[in-house]
Amino acid sequence: MPNKPIIIGVGGVFTAEDAYRKIKAGASLIELITGMIFEGPQAISDIKLGLVKLHQKDDYKNISEAVGKEQTILSSSIKSSNQKHSRQ
């Protein structure tokens, strides 16, 4: 990924679903301190196993294929909204 910024998903990651949302929004790294503080070190393993299930459910061969997949949906929505406002 040359010249591409590294996005780190931080804060409020307690479950695989939390981490997966951040990954699909563009994060290629996830910080798990919050989950570990409240759930203990087992949270890492639980999240890892959950991520495997989630990315397989979405038919990705590996988790890196999911990085930023919802970013294009969000970008399109923002562009559309900006175009509406610029016409007013």
Protein backbone atom coordinates (compact mmCIF):
# COMPACT_ATOMS: atom_id res chain seq x y z
CA MET A 1 0.00 0.00 0.00
CA PRO A 2 2.41 2.71 -1.11
CA ASN A 3 1.51 6.31 -0.22
CA LYS A 4 -1.62 5.18 1.58
CA PRO A 5 -2.16 6.44 5.14
CA ILE A 6 -2.39 3.89 7.91
CA ILE A 7 -5.68 4.22 9.77
CA ILE A 8 -5.89 2.86 13.30
CA GLY A 9 -9.34 2.11 14.74
CA VAL A 10 -9.32 3.10 18.41
CA GLY A 11 -11.81 3.30 21.24
CA GLY A 12 -14.78 1.22 22.19
CA VAL A 13 -13.69 -2.09 20.71
CA PHE A 14 -15.32 -4.75 22.86
CA THR A 15 -16.47 -7.25 20.21
CA ALA A 16 -15.51 -8.57 16.80
CA GLU A 17 -18.40 -6.54 15.37
CA ASP A 18 -16.90 -3.33 16.81
CA ALA A 19 -13.52 -4.13 15.25
CA TYR A 20 -15.05 -5.19 11.93
CA ARG A 21 -16.97 -1.90 11.64
CA LYS A 22 -13.71 0.01 12.04
CA ILE A 23 -11.96 -2.25 9.52
CA LYS A 24 -14.70 -1.82 6.94
CA ALA A 25 -14.53 1.95 7.53
CA GLY A 26 -10.84 1.88 6.56
CA ALA A 27 -8.78 0.86 9.59
CA SER A 28 -5.95 -1.55 8.88
CA LEU A 29 -4.97 -1.70 12.57
CA ILE A 30 -7.22 -1.98 15.63
CA GLU A 31 -6.32 -0.87 19.15
CA LEU A 32 -7.89 -3.17 21.75
CA ILE A 33 -7.01 -1.55 25.08
CA THR A 34 -10.59 -0.64 26.04
CA GLY A 35 -11.88 -4.16 25.49
CA MET A 36 -8.95 -5.67 27.36
CA ILE A 37 -9.45 -3.38 30.35
CA PHE A 38 -13.11 -4.29 30.74
CA GLU A 39 -13.17 -7.84 29.37
CA GLY A 40 -9.64 -9.06 30.15
CA PRO A 41 -6.98 -10.50 27.83
CA GLN A 42 -9.41 -13.16 26.57
CA ALA A 43 -11.07 -10.36 24.58
CA ILE A 44 -8.21 -10.53 22.05
CA SER A 45 -8.87 -14.17 21.23
CA ASP A 46 -12.64 -13.68 21.18
CA ILE A 47 -12.35 -10.74 18.79
CA LYS A 48 -9.87 -12.59 16.56
CA LEU A 49 -12.15 -15.63 16.25
CA GLY A 50 -15.17 -13.41 15.66
CA LEU A 51 -13.35 -11.49 12.91
CA VAL A 52 -12.61 -14.75 11.10
CA LYS A 53 -16.31 -15.62 11.11
CA LEU A 54 -17.37 -12.14 9.98
CA HIS A 55 -14.98 -11.83 7.06
CA GLN A 56 -15.76 -15.37 5.90
CA LYS A 57 -19.49 -14.60 6.09
CA ASP A 58 -18.84 -11.66 3.73
CA ASP A 59 -16.93 -14.01 1.37
CA TYR A 60 -13.50 -12.44 1.92
CA LYS A 61 -10.52 -14.79 1.82
CA ASN A 62 -8.70 -12.70 4.42
CA ILE A 63 -9.50 -9.74 6.63
CA SER A 64 -7.40 -7.32 4.58
CA GLU A 65 -9.95 -7.58 1.77
CA ALA A 66 -12.54 -5.93 4.07
CA VAL A 67 -10.43 -2.84 4.83
CA GLY A 68 -12.26 0.25 3.61
CA LYS A 69 -15.15 -1.58 1.94
CA GLU A 70 -17.75 0.70 3.51
CA GLN A 71 -15.59 3.74 2.99
CA THR A 72 -16.75 4.02 -0.63
CA ILE A 73 -20.39 3.94 0.48
CA LEU A 74 -19.71 6.70 3.00
CA SER A 75 -17.71 8.75 0.48
CA SER A 76 -20.52 8.54 -2.06
CA SER A 77 -23.04 9.62 0.55
CA ILE A 78 -20.91 12.61 1.60
CA LYS A 79 -20.32 13.67 -2.02
CA SER A 80 -24.03 13.47 -2.74
CA SER A 81 -24.84 15.51 0.35
CA ASN A 82 -22.20 18.12 -0.53
CA GLN A 83 -23.54 18.43 -4.07
CA LYS A 84 -27.06 19.07 -2.73
CA HIS A 85 -25.78 21.78 -0.39
CA SER A 86 -23.64 23.46 -3.06
CA ARG A 87 -26.69 23.87 -5.32
CA GLN A 88 -28.65 25.73 -2.64
